[in-house]
């Protein structure tokens, strides 16, 4: 009688071990295949013209951004982080604890922005875009170059002709 109980117990233990193995395998399948991090937006190849865009991700903790396909020099962002990127093409992916998403690309479009604030004697010319600007002042046949980097401004006279464009 004791041999029958032992055989039944061994059979039950084998069934429990098989059930545990199936459960563990199911958890691994879920973690590695069904719960993979996803890079949703910007979509691959998208041209971004608004400098205040948001990365949309799923099942990930960090966004990795790089100007290089191999992510040799990368920026790591977590929820709530902000970054200002100059115009150009970037590679990005989402990272979770165990995996990374596929790599996608986006391009930040260069925007020339030139504002003129007028005053009684002097005017202020400011670069409000996201690229450096070369401004030329022409007065009496003489041309003067005025470089304006992103976010900078300069005082200009009320006379002369000013033209500007991307460097």
Foldseek 3Di string as FASTA:
>chain_A
DVVVVVVVVVVVVVVVVVVVVVVVVVVVCCVPPVLAKDFDPPAFAAEDADQPDDTDIGNAAWKWKDLDPVSPDIDIDGPPDDDGDAFDKMKMWGHHPPDIYDIGMYTYDWDWDWDWADDPFKIKIATATRAKKWKWWADPNDIDIDTHGHGDMDIDGPDTDIDMDGD
